[in-house]
C-alpha atoms as a PDB file:
ATOM      1  CA  MET A   1     -29.825  18.484 -17.755  1.00  0.00           C
ATOM      2  CA  ALA A   2     -26.579  18.825 -17.056  1.00  0.00           C
ATOM      3  CA  ALA A   3     -26.361  19.130 -14.306  1.00  0.00           C
ATOM      4  CA  LYS A   4     -28.208  15.597 -13.233  1.00  0.00           C
ATOM      5  CA  ILE A   5     -26.043  14.256 -16.042  1.00  0.00           C
ATOM      6  CA  PHE A   6     -22.514  15.454 -14.517  1.00  0.00           C
ATOM      7  CA  PRO A   7     -22.346  13.280 -11.689  1.00  0.00           C
ATOM      8  CA  VAL A   8     -23.630   9.798 -14.071  1.00  0.00           C
ATOM      9  CA  ILE A   9     -21.231  11.184 -16.043  1.00  0.00           C
ATOM     10  CA  LYS A  10     -18.314  10.724 -13.340  1.00  0.00           C
ATOM     11  CA  LEU A  11     -19.818   7.947 -11.417  1.00  0.00           C
ATOM     12  CA  ALA A  12     -19.051   5.333 -15.231  1.00  0.00           C
ATOM     13  CA  THR A  13     -15.832   7.239 -15.452  1.00  0.00           C
ATOM     14  CA  LYS A  14     -14.697   6.115 -11.952  1.00  0.00           C
ATOM     15  CA  VAL A  15     -16.499   1.954 -12.064  1.00  0.00           C
ATOM     16  CA  THR A  16     -14.759   1.576 -15.833  1.00  0.00           C
ATOM     17  CA  LEU A  17     -11.274   3.004 -14.431  1.00  0.00           C
ATOM     18  CA  ALA A  18     -11.688   0.847 -11.361  1.00  0.00           C
ATOM     19  CA  GLY A  19     -13.139  -2.240 -13.166  1.00  0.00           C
ATOM     20  CA  GLY A  20     -10.437  -2.185 -16.324  1.00  0.00           C
ATOM     21  CA  ALA A  21      -7.517  -2.168 -13.228  1.00  0.00           C
ATOM     22  CA  LEU A  22      -9.556  -5.220 -11.213  1.00  0.00           C
ATOM     23  CA  TYR A  23      -9.774  -6.920 -15.038  1.00  0.00           C
ATOM     24  CA  VAL A  24      -5.705  -6.229 -15.418  1.00  0.00           C
ATOM     25  CA  ALA A  25      -4.408  -7.549 -12.688  1.00  0.00           C
ATOM     26  CA  HIS A  26      -6.073 -10.269 -13.162  1.00  0.00           C
ATOM     27  CA  ASP A  27      -5.192 -10.847 -16.318  1.00  0.00           C
ATOM     28  CA  SER A  28      -2.338 -10.821 -15.927  1.00  0.00           C
ATOM     29  CA  GLY A  29      -1.733 -13.406 -12.969  1.00  0.00           C
ATOM     30  CA  LEU A  30      -1.563 -10.493  -9.591  1.00  0.00           C
ATOM     31  CA  LEU A  31      -4.225 -11.870  -8.259  1.00  0.00           C
ATOM     32  CA  GLY A  32      -3.840 -15.888  -8.774  1.00  0.00           C
ATOM     33  CA  THR A  33      -1.283 -17.540  -6.613  1.00  0.00           C
ATOM     34  CA  SER A  34       2.113 -16.424  -5.286  1.00  0.00           C
ATOM     35  CA  LYS A  35       4.206 -17.621  -7.914  1.00  0.00           C
ATOM     36  CA  GLN A  36       1.528 -16.405 -10.929  1.00  0.00           C
ATOM     37  CA  GLY A  37       2.200 -12.854  -9.077  1.00  0.00           C
ATOM     38  CA  PHE A  38       6.062 -13.400  -9.185  1.00  0.00           C
ATOM     39  CA  GLU A  39       5.942 -14.604 -13.297  1.00  0.00           C
ATOM     40  CA  ALA A  40       3.535 -11.120 -13.498  1.00  0.00           C
ATOM     41  CA  LEU A  41       5.974  -9.448 -11.699  1.00  0.00           C
ATOM     42  CA  GLU A  42       8.987 -10.484 -13.707  1.00  0.00           C
ATOM     43  CA  ARG A  43       7.345  -9.884 -16.551  1.00  0.00           C
ATOM     44  CA  ALA A  44       6.826  -6.051 -15.740  1.00  0.00           C
ATOM     45  CA  ARG A  45      10.582  -5.768 -14.571  1.00  0.00           C
ATOM     46  CA  ALA A  46      11.393  -6.865 -18.153  1.00  0.00           C
ATOM     47  CA  ALA A  47       8.712  -5.316 -20.431  1.00  0.00           C
ATOM     48  CA  ILE A  48       9.091  -2.024 -18.617  1.00  0.00           C
ATOM     49  CA  PRO A  49      13.145  -0.362 -19.350  1.00  0.00           C
ATOM     50  CA  PRO A  50      12.742  -0.874 -22.414  1.00  0.00           C
ATOM     51  CA  ALA A  51       8.951   0.107 -22.860  1.00  0.00           C
ATOM     52  CA  MET A  52      10.408   3.361 -21.169  1.00  0.00           C
ATOM     53  CA  GLU A  53      13.635   4.125 -23.384  1.00  0.00           C
ATOM     54  CA  GLU A  54      10.940   3.970 -26.207  1.00  0.00           C
ATOM     55  CA  TRP A  55       8.820   6.296 -24.915  1.00  0.00           C
ATOM     56  CA  MET A  56      11.513   8.925 -23.723  1.00  0.00           C
ATOM     57  CA  LYS A  57      12.364   9.440 -27.226  1.00  0.00           C
ATOM     58  CA  TYR A  58       9.168   9.282 -29.189  1.00  0.00           C
ATOM     59  CA  PHE A  59       9.300  12.187 -26.203  1.00  0.00           C
ATOM     60  CA  GLY A  60      12.304  13.627 -27.422  1.00  0.00           C
ATOM     61  CA  LEU A  61      14.121  13.328 -24.214  1.00  0.00           C
ATOM     62  CA  GLU A  62      17.822  11.294 -24.234  1.00  0.00           C
ATOM     63  CA  ALA A  63      17.724  11.503 -20.312  1.00  0.00           C
ATOM     64  CA  GLN A  64      18.848   8.515 -18.355  1.00  0.00           C
ATOM     65  CA  LEU A  65      17.043   6.656 -15.697  1.00  0.00           C
ATOM     66  CA  PRO A  66      18.511   5.825 -12.443  1.00  0.00           C
ATOM     67  CA  ALA A  67      18.933   2.448 -12.368  1.00  0.00           C
ATOM     68  CA  VAL A  68      16.308   0.673 -10.454  1.00  0.00           C
ATOM     69  CA  PRO A  69      17.486   0.235  -6.699  1.00  0.00           C
ATOM     70  CA  LYS A  70      16.956  -3.958  -5.150  1.00  0.00           C
ATOM     71  CA  VAL A  71      14.849  -3.422  -2.593  1.00  0.00           C
ATOM     72  CA  GLU A  72      15.381  -6.150  -0.417  1.00  0.00           C
ATOM     73  CA  PHE A  73      11.579  -6.453   1.732  1.00  0.00           C
ATOM     74  CA  SER A  74       9.960  -9.526   2.602  1.00  0.00           C
ATOM     75  CA  PRO A  75       6.883  -9.544   3.489  1.00  0.00           C
ATOM     76  CA  VAL A  76       6.220 -12.194   5.754  1.00  0.00           C
ATOM     77  CA  GLN A  77       9.116 -10.943   8.413  1.00  0.00           C
ATOM     78  CA  ALA A  78       6.766  -7.512   7.609  1.00  0.00           C
ATOM     79  CA  TRP A  79       4.288  -9.490   9.223  1.00  0.00           C
ATOM     80  CA  ASN A  80       5.715 -11.287  12.198  1.00  0.00           C
ATOM     81  CA  SER A  81       7.198  -7.928  13.289  1.00  0.00           C
ATOM     82  CA  GLY A  82       3.424  -7.011  12.899  1.00  0.00           C
ATOM     83  CA  VAL A  83       2.381 -10.217  14.725  1.00  0.00           C
ATOM     84  CA  ARG A  84       4.328  -9.957  17.894  1.00  0.00           C
ATOM     85  CA  THR A  85       4.514  -6.123  18.191  1.00  0.00           C
ATOM     86  CA  SER A  86       0.182  -6.263  18.598  1.00  0.00           C
ATOM     87  CA  ILE A  87       0.360  -9.240  20.379  1.00  0.00           C
ATOM     88  CA  SER A  88       3.216  -7.705  22.861  1.00  0.00           C
ATOM     89  CA  ALA A  89       0.719  -4.351  23.236  1.00  0.00           C
ATOM     90  CA  LEU A  90      -2.195  -6.037  24.321  1.00  0.00           C
ATOM     91  CA  SER A  91       0.302  -8.797  26.471  1.00  0.00           C
ATOM     92  CA  GLU A  92       0.641  -5.739  28.205  1.00  0.00           C
ATOM     93  CA  ALA A  93      -2.229  -3.489  27.973  1.00  0.00           C
ATOM     94  CA  PRO A  94      -3.573  -4.811  31.923  1.00  0.00           C
ATOM     95  CA  ARG A  95      -0.517  -3.249  33.583  1.00  0.00           C
ATOM     96  CA  LYS A  96      -0.374  -0.136  31.671  1.00  0.00           C
ATOM     97  CA  ALA A  97      -3.846   0.563  31.862  1.00  0.00           C
ATOM     98  CA  SER A  98      -3.330   0.159  36.022  1.00  0.00           C
ATOM     99  CA  GLU A  99      -0.107   2.034  35.736  1.00  0.00           C
ATOM    100  CA  TYR A 100      -1.636   5.358  34.149  1.00  0.00           C
ATOM    101  CA  SER A 101      -4.715   5.234  35.914  1.00  0.00           C
ATOM    102  CA  THR A 102      -2.237   5.592  39.267  1.00  0.00           C
ATOM    103  CA  ARG A 103      -0.077   7.994  37.541  1.00  0.00           C
ATOM    104  CA  GLY A 104      -4.135  10.103  36.633  1.00  0.00           C
ATOM    105  CA  LEU A 105      -4.914   9.326  40.393  1.00  0.00           C
ATOM    106  CA  GLN A 106      -2.013  10.846  41.494  1.00  0.00           C
ATOM    107  CA  TYR A 107      -1.752  13.670  39.335  1.00  0.00           C
ATOM    108  CA  VAL A 108      -5.635  14.286  40.672  1.00  0.00           C
ATOM    109  CA  LYS A 109      -4.782  13.813  44.313  1.00  0.00           C
ATOM    110  CA  ASP A 110      -1.482  16.413  44.000  1.00  0.00           C
ATOM    111  CA  LEU A 111      -4.018  18.868  42.089  1.00  0.00           C
ATOM    112  CA  ALA A 112      -6.598  18.627  45.507  1.00  0.00           C
ATOM    113  CA  LYS A 113      -3.945  19.250  47.970  1.00  0.00           C
END
């Protein structure tokens, strides 16, 4: 009996966690517009350091946390770079295929000698 219930409990736990994460993301505005996402990020940046400090005092840890590093990452630039690389690889594919097939044919000819 327990062997049949365990997979059901396991699935229910996974569905509950996934649903809860989706609810929290939607409720905090992460799934909205970019402006709502930016505002949610700012709220998180303001709330996390005091919460960490409170939890550290609660558990008796008095260590200093390192400063949060500044991340200079532009998703737009990363996206554009990926698109450029993909298009470049696709445009060079016929020439590279011809070159590699010529090399392979030459290799096979050299082996046959």
